[in-house]
Amino acid sequence: MTTRQMLFALLLMVGAFVGFMGYCYAWMDWVDDVQTGVYRKNYLEAAGETSALGLYTYLAIRFVKRNVTL
């Protein structure tokens, strides 16, 4: 591997990790909002965040099923 390829691989792994951490934070925030009752007051926020997390999760599962072979 060249230095450029190694740098690209490292940046890709760091980017994937940061994205995954953001995804986990979004789920923790969603659970916290459900438990504290934020969504009872603001239905638009509830619909938006729940839809975004559901869609992203669906697309991630679909990607893994198509592209990861064990």
Protein backbone atom coordinates (compact mmCIF):
# COMPACT_ATOMS: atom_id res chain seq x y z
CA MET A 1 0.00 0.00 0.00
CA THR A 2 1.18 3.46 -0.75
CA THR A 3 1.13 6.27 1.77
CA ARG A 4 -1.76 7.91 -0.05
CA GLN A 5 -3.84 4.73 0.09
CA MET A 6 -3.09 4.27 3.78
CA LEU A 7 -4.11 7.87 4.50
CA PHE A 8 -7.33 7.39 2.55
CA ALA A 9 -8.12 4.16 4.44
CA LEU A 10 -7.40 5.84 7.77
CA LEU A 11 -9.60 8.84 6.94
CA LEU A 12 -12.36 6.51 5.78
CA MET A 13 -12.23 4.54 9.04
CA VAL A 14 -12.18 7.71 11.15
CA GLY A 15 -15.11 9.13 9.18
CA ALA A 16 -17.09 5.92 9.59
CA PHE A 17 -16.40 5.90 13.33
CA VAL A 18 -17.43 9.54 13.74
CA GLY A 19 -20.60 8.89 11.74
CA PHE A 20 -21.43 5.86 13.87
CA MET A 21 -20.90 7.87 17.06
CA GLY A 22 -23.27 10.54 15.73
CA TYR A 23 -25.84 7.87 14.93
CA CYS A 24 -25.55 6.45 18.48
CA TYR A 25 -25.88 9.95 19.93
CA ALA A 26 -29.03 10.54 17.86
CA TRP A 27 -30.60 7.35 19.27
CA MET A 28 -29.64 8.30 22.84
CA ASP A 29 -31.15 11.76 22.32
CA TRP A 30 -34.32 10.20 20.90
CA VAL A 31 -34.68 7.86 23.90
CA ASP A 32 -34.06 10.75 26.29
CA ASP A 33 -36.69 12.90 24.51
CA VAL A 34 -39.23 10.07 24.71
CA GLN A 35 -38.58 9.52 28.42
CA THR A 36 -38.74 13.22 29.33
CA GLY A 37 -41.91 13.85 27.33
CA VAL A 38 -40.49 16.32 24.81
CA TYR A 39 -42.40 14.63 22.01
CA ARG A 40 -45.74 15.13 23.77
CA LYS A 41 -45.29 18.89 23.41
CA ASN A 42 -43.75 19.02 19.94
CA TYR A 43 -45.26 16.59 17.45
CA LEU A 44 -43.32 17.98 14.49
CA GLU A 45 -39.99 17.30 16.20
CA ALA A 46 -41.18 13.80 17.13
CA ALA A 47 -42.22 13.01 13.58
CA GLY A 48 -39.06 14.42 12.05
CA GLU A 49 -36.55 12.76 14.36
CA THR A 50 -38.36 9.43 14.44
CA SER A 51 -38.72 9.34 10.66
CA ALA A 52 -35.06 10.25 10.10
CA LEU A 53 -33.80 7.59 12.50
CA GLY A 54 -36.15 4.97 11.09
CA LEU A 55 -35.20 5.74 7.48
CA TYR A 56 -31.47 5.76 8.23
CA THR A 57 -31.74 2.47 10.12
CA TYR A 58 -33.72 0.88 7.28
CA LEU A 59 -31.18 2.02 4.69
CA ALA A 60 -28.27 0.79 6.82
CA ILE A 61 -29.82 -2.66 7.25
CA ARG A 62 -30.57 -2.83 3.53
CA PHE A 63 -26.98 -1.85 2.70
CA VAL A 64 -25.54 -4.49 5.02
CA LYS A 65 -27.81 -7.22 3.61
CA ARG A 66 -26.76 -6.43 0.05
CA ASN A 67 -23.05 -5.75 0.52
CA VAL A 68 -21.79 -7.78 3.48
CA THR A 69 -21.30 -11.48 3.02
CA LEU A 70 -20.37 -13.68 5.93
